Protein backbone atom coordinates (compact mmCIF):
# COMPACT_ATOMS: atom_id res chain seq x y z
CA MET A 1 -24.22 28.95 -6.74
CA PRO A 2 -21.24 28.21 -9.05
CA TYR A 3 -18.17 26.58 -7.60
CA THR A 4 -15.14 28.60 -6.65
CA TYR A 5 -11.67 27.12 -6.07
CA THR A 6 -12.28 27.31 -2.33
CA SER A 7 -15.76 25.80 -2.34
CA TYR A 8 -15.00 23.01 -4.82
CA LEU A 9 -12.00 21.82 -2.76
CA ARG A 10 -13.77 22.63 0.53
CA LEU A 11 -10.63 24.42 1.64
CA ASP A 12 -12.23 25.99 4.71
CA GLU A 13 -12.86 22.50 6.12
CA LEU A 14 -9.59 21.03 4.86
CA LEU A 15 -7.39 23.73 6.36
CA ASP A 16 -9.22 23.50 9.67
CA LEU A 17 -8.22 19.85 10.17
CA GLN A 18 -4.68 20.47 11.42
CA THR A 19 -5.02 20.73 15.19
CA PRO A 20 -1.73 20.14 17.04
CA ALA A 21 -2.15 18.42 20.40
CA SER A 22 0.50 20.80 21.75
CA GLY A 23 -1.76 23.74 20.97
CA GLY A 24 0.86 25.09 18.61
CA GLU A 25 3.64 25.16 21.18
CA GLU A 26 5.77 22.69 19.22
CA HIS A 27 6.56 24.03 15.76
CA ASP A 28 7.25 20.69 14.04
CA GLU A 29 3.99 19.08 15.10
CA MET A 30 2.23 20.89 12.24
CA LEU A 31 4.60 19.26 9.73
CA PHE A 32 4.00 15.85 11.32
CA ILE A 33 0.22 16.24 11.02
CA VAL A 34 0.26 17.59 7.45
CA ILE A 35 2.57 14.85 6.16
CA HIS A 36 0.45 12.07 7.64
CA GLN A 37 -2.82 13.60 6.48
CA VAL A 38 -1.36 13.85 2.97
CA TYR A 39 -0.28 10.21 3.22
CA GLU A 40 -3.86 9.23 4.00
CA LEU A 41 -5.16 11.23 1.03
CA TRP A 42 -2.72 9.44 -1.27
CA PHE A 43 -3.72 6.11 0.28
CA LYS A 44 -7.33 6.95 -0.59
CA GLN A 45 -6.31 7.59 -4.20
CA VAL A 46 -4.29 4.36 -4.38
CA LEU A 47 -7.34 2.40 -3.24
CA HIS A 48 -9.42 4.21 -5.88
CA GLU A 49 -6.87 3.20 -8.54
CA THR A 50 -6.52 -0.43 -7.41
CA ASP A 51 -10.28 -0.86 -7.85
CA LEU A 52 -9.88 0.35 -11.43
CA LEU A 53 -6.84 -1.89 -11.94
CA ARG A 54 -8.75 -4.98 -10.86
CA GLU A 55 -11.60 -4.02 -13.18
CA ALA A 56 -9.18 -3.55 -16.09
CA PHE A 57 -7.67 -7.01 -15.50
CA GLU A 58 -11.08 -8.66 -15.19
CA GLU A 59 -12.20 -7.02 -18.46
CA ASN A 60 -8.96 -7.90 -20.28
CA ASP A 61 -8.20 -4.22 -20.86
CA ARG A 62 -4.40 -4.15 -21.00
CA PRO A 63 -4.02 -0.45 -21.96
CA ALA A 64 -6.16 0.61 -18.97
CA ALA A 65 -4.24 -1.74 -16.67
CA LEU A 66 -0.88 -0.33 -17.79
CA ALA A 67 -2.06 3.27 -17.45
CA THR A 68 -3.40 2.62 -13.96
CA LEU A 69 -0.22 0.84 -12.90
CA LYS A 70 1.81 3.82 -14.09
CA ARG A 71 -0.31 6.17 -11.99
CA VAL A 72 -0.06 4.04 -8.84
CA LEU A 73 3.71 3.71 -9.30
CA THR A 74 4.02 7.49 -9.59
CA ILE A 75 2.01 7.93 -6.39
CA PHE A 76 4.33 5.54 -4.56
CA LYS A 77 7.33 7.53 -5.73
CA THR A 78 5.65 10.61 -4.25
CA LEU A 79 5.02 8.76 -0.97
CA VAL A 80 8.71 7.84 -0.79
CA SER A 81 9.83 11.41 -1.52
CA GLN A 82 7.65 12.73 1.32
CA VAL A 83 9.87 10.88 3.78
CA ASP A 84 12.61 13.37 2.84
CA ILE A 85 10.41 16.17 4.15
CA LEU A 86 9.59 14.31 7.35
CA GLU A 87 13.28 13.67 7.97
CA THR A 88 13.91 17.42 8.20
CA MET A 89 12.36 17.02 11.67
CA THR A 90 15.02 16.09 14.22
CA PRO A 91 14.53 13.39 16.87
CA VAL A 92 14.49 16.13 19.54
CA SER A 93 11.71 17.96 17.69
CA PHE A 94 9.59 14.82 17.46
CA LEU A 95 10.15 13.88 21.09
CA SER A 96 8.96 17.33 22.13
CA PHE A 97 5.37 16.36 21.24
CA ARG A 98 5.47 12.55 20.96
CA ASP A 99 3.96 11.94 24.41
CA ARG A 100 0.89 13.94 23.41
CA LEU A 101 0.04 11.37 20.71
CA ASP A 102 -1.15 8.95 23.43
CA SER A 103 -2.08 5.66 21.68
CA ALA A 104 -2.11 7.12 18.16
CA SER A 105 0.18 5.20 15.81
CA GLY A 106 0.72 4.81 12.08
CA PHE A 107 0.18 1.10 12.74
CA GLN A 108 -3.52 2.02 13.03
CA SER A 109 -3.78 3.27 9.44
CA PHE A 110 -6.65 1.14 8.18
CA GLN A 111 -6.26 2.54 4.67
CA PHE A 112 -2.71 1.21 4.45
CA ARG A 113 -4.03 -2.17 5.64
CA GLU A 114 -6.61 -1.94 2.84
CA ILE A 115 -3.87 -1.24 0.28
CA GLU A 116 -1.91 -4.29 1.42
CA VAL A 117 -5.02 -6.44 1.22
CA ALA A 118 -6.11 -5.00 -2.14
CA LEU A 119 -2.73 -5.79 -3.70
CA GLY A 120 -2.56 -9.33 -2.35
CA HIS A 121 -1.15 -9.36 1.18
CA ARG A 122 -3.41 -11.68 3.12
CA ALA A 123 -2.48 -12.81 6.61
CA PRO A 124 -4.40 -14.58 9.40
CA GLY A 125 -5.83 -12.13 11.89
CA LEU A 126 -5.01 -9.08 9.78
CA ALA A 127 -8.45 -7.50 10.30
CA ALA A 128 -8.41 -8.51 13.97
CA ARG A 129 -5.77 -5.86 14.62
CA LEU A 130 -8.53 -3.27 14.27
CA PRO A 131 -11.31 -2.74 16.88
CA GLU A 132 -14.11 -5.30 16.57
CA GLY A 133 -17.27 -3.83 15.03
CA SER A 134 -15.51 -0.65 13.90
CA PRO A 135 -16.10 0.82 10.41
CA GLU A 136 -12.35 0.51 9.79
CA ARG A 137 -12.38 -3.21 10.51
CA ARG A 138 -15.43 -3.72 8.30
CA ARG A 139 -13.64 -2.01 5.41
CA VAL A 140 -10.61 -4.27 5.73
CA GLU A 141 -12.84 -7.35 6.04
CA GLU A 142 -14.71 -6.31 2.88
CA ARG A 143 -11.39 -6.03 1.04
CA LEU A 144 -10.39 -9.47 2.30
CA ALA A 145 -13.61 -10.92 0.85
CA ARG A 146 -12.76 -9.63 -2.64
CA PRO A 147 -10.15 -11.00 -5.05
CA SER A 148 -6.85 -9.13 -4.87
CA VAL A 149 -5.10 -7.35 -7.73
CA TYR A 150 -2.92 -10.44 -8.12
CA ASP A 151 -5.98 -12.73 -8.31
CA SER A 152 -7.43 -10.48 -11.03
CA PHE A 153 -4.07 -10.49 -12.85
CA LEU A 154 -4.17 -14.30 -13.02
CA ARG A 155 -7.70 -14.09 -14.44
CA PHE A 156 -6.37 -11.61 -16.99
CA LEU A 157 -3.75 -14.15 -18.07
CA SER A 158 -6.48 -16.79 -18.33
CA LEU A 159 -8.49 -14.45 -20.58
CA ASN A 160 -5.38 -14.24 -22.76
CA ASP A 161 -5.48 -18.01 -23.29
CA TYR A 162 -2.84 -18.91 -20.73
CA PRO A 163 -3.79 -22.14 -18.90
CA ILE A 164 -3.88 -20.88 -15.32
CA PRO A 165 -4.98 -23.93 -13.29
CA LYS A 166 -8.60 -23.88 -12.11
CA ASP A 167 -7.59 -24.49 -8.51
CA VAL A 168 -5.42 -21.36 -8.65
CA LEU A 169 -8.18 -19.24 -10.18
CA GLY A 170 -10.68 -20.56 -7.65
CA ARG A 171 -8.44 -20.38 -4.60
CA ASP A 172 -9.62 -18.93 -1.30
CA SER A 173 -8.68 -15.28 -1.82
CA THR A 174 -8.66 -14.62 1.94
CA LEU A 175 -5.48 -16.72 2.24
CA PRO A 176 -1.92 -15.58 1.44
CA VAL A 177 -0.65 -16.03 -2.12
CA VAL A 178 1.41 -19.21 -2.40
CA GLU A 179 4.09 -19.77 -5.02
CA ASP A 180 2.95 -22.19 -7.72
CA GLU A 181 5.32 -23.97 -10.10
CA ARG A 182 2.63 -24.20 -12.80
CA VAL A 183 2.08 -20.45 -12.71
CA ARG A 184 5.82 -19.84 -12.81
CA GLU A 185 6.13 -21.93 -15.97
CA ILE A 186 3.47 -19.79 -17.64
CA LEU A 187 5.14 -16.58 -16.50
CA VAL A 188 8.49 -17.74 -17.89
CA ARG A 189 6.80 -18.40 -21.25
CA ILE A 190 5.24 -14.92 -21.19
CA TYR A 191 8.62 -13.31 -20.51
CA ARG A 192 10.23 -15.21 -23.38
CA THR A 193 7.50 -14.94 -26.02
CA ASP A 194 4.88 -12.27 -25.17
CA PRO A 195 6.30 -8.72 -24.93
CA GLY A 196 2.90 -7.09 -24.35
CA ASN A 197 1.99 -9.14 -21.30
CA ARG A 198 5.62 -9.19 -20.16
CA GLU A 199 5.28 -5.42 -19.76
CA VAL A 200 2.24 -5.91 -17.51
CA CYS A 201 4.26 -8.36 -15.40
CA GLU A 202 7.15 -5.93 -15.11
CA ARG A 203 4.88 -3.08 -14.04
CA LEU A 204 3.50 -5.32 -11.28
CA VAL A 205 7.05 -6.04 -10.17
CA ASP A 206 7.68 -2.28 -10.18
CA LEU A 207 4.62 -1.82 -7.99
CA ASP A 208 5.78 -4.51 -5.57
CA GLU A 209 9.24 -2.94 -5.45
CA GLY A 210 7.72 0.52 -4.98
CA LEU A 211 5.80 -0.62 -1.91
CA GLN A 212 8.91 -2.30 -0.51
CA GLU A 213 10.91 0.89 -1.13
CA TRP A 214 8.33 2.91 0.80
CA ARG A 215 8.48 0.37 3.64
CA TYR A 216 12.28 0.64 3.71
CA ARG A 217 12.28 4.45 3.81
CA HIS A 218 9.61 4.35 6.51
CA VAL A 219 11.64 1.89 8.60
CA LYS A 220 14.80 3.98 8.32
CA MET A 221 12.89 7.15 9.15
CA VAL A 222 11.52 5.52 12.31
CA GLN A 223 14.98 4.23 13.27
CA ARG A 224 16.45 7.67 12.64
CA THR A 225 13.79 9.36 14.74
CA ILE A 226 13.26 7.07 17.74
CA GLY A 227 16.03 4.48 17.41
CA MET A 228 15.11 1.20 19.11
CA LYS A 229 12.46 2.73 21.41
CA THR A 230 8.97 1.22 21.59
CA GLY A 231 6.80 2.61 18.81
CA THR A 232 4.14 5.25 19.32
CA GLY A 233 1.02 3.70 20.85
CA GLY A 234 3.04 0.81 22.29
CA SER A 235 3.83 -0.91 18.98
CA ALA A 236 7.16 -2.68 18.51
CA GLY A 237 8.42 0.26 16.46
CA PHE A 238 11.54 -0.33 14.39
CA GLU A 239 11.76 -4.06 15.14
CA TYR A 240 8.21 -4.68 13.91
CA LEU A 241 8.65 -2.56 10.78
CA LYS A 242 11.93 -4.28 9.92
CA LYS A 243 10.11 -7.62 9.74
CA THR A 244 7.83 -6.28 7.00
CA LEU A 245 10.75 -5.71 4.61
CA PHE A 246 11.43 -8.01 1.67
CA GLU A 247 8.01 -9.68 1.80
CA PRO A 248 6.93 -9.68 -1.87
CA LEU A 249 3.29 -9.33 -2.79
CA PHE A 250 3.75 -11.30 -6.01
CA PRO A 251 6.24 -14.08 -5.13
CA ASP A 252 6.00 -15.96 -8.45
CA LEU A 253 6.94 -12.84 -10.40
CA TRP A 254 10.14 -12.65 -8.36
CA ALA A 255 10.86 -16.39 -8.26
CA ILE A 256 11.03 -16.72 -12.07
CA ARG A 257 14.09 -14.45 -12.29
CA THR A 258 16.40 -17.39 -11.75
CA ALA A 259 14.77 -19.36 -14.58
CA LEU A 260 14.93 -16.62 -17.23
């Protein structure tokens, strides 16, 4: 049987996935569910694109890397703009169904954890925040075992005859990225003499900034909605989210600004 628009997109199943815990009594709960389901769909696409981005770096394919970075950046702009829609919901509207969420919390989004890990955020115990033995935890652990986008970027520079130190290329990718003066010196040279690879560096900075912008809008949305209350599911809410701001994924790409 040939595909139709409905069957190809499996719309019957998709549109049956919005089930308000209030049974439809609270009007804004539908918006809350739709926005967060859409977030998760975009997270899935970002993960799909970061796999391609790593592959492009590892194969020294600069045009593919730049095209993929542009797509991911555009997705992050869309994620940020969706906060505007969520903020049309007043604190009173959210509180009318918040108790029905029980322990559910955005903190439990394993796909967002995967995105952080895929881009380069590695922290002790990161996977341990998810239930032991769960498929979600296994996915994050698998991401932790692979090189990050930043690790692949450094290999890309090495393929372009830049002398990235062997200990940096062979570092334990499960550990956080540490600033390295030798890498910074190479990056400064790229910015001054290599416009093509400078563009790649700048798009990575854009990506880092885009994620930080989304974090900021998310933090302010939470503060606007629940103030200083404990987060949904018992998380630290605003105070926890605030701590995640201004933590760059690619510290060397930011640190060189003073030297340029």
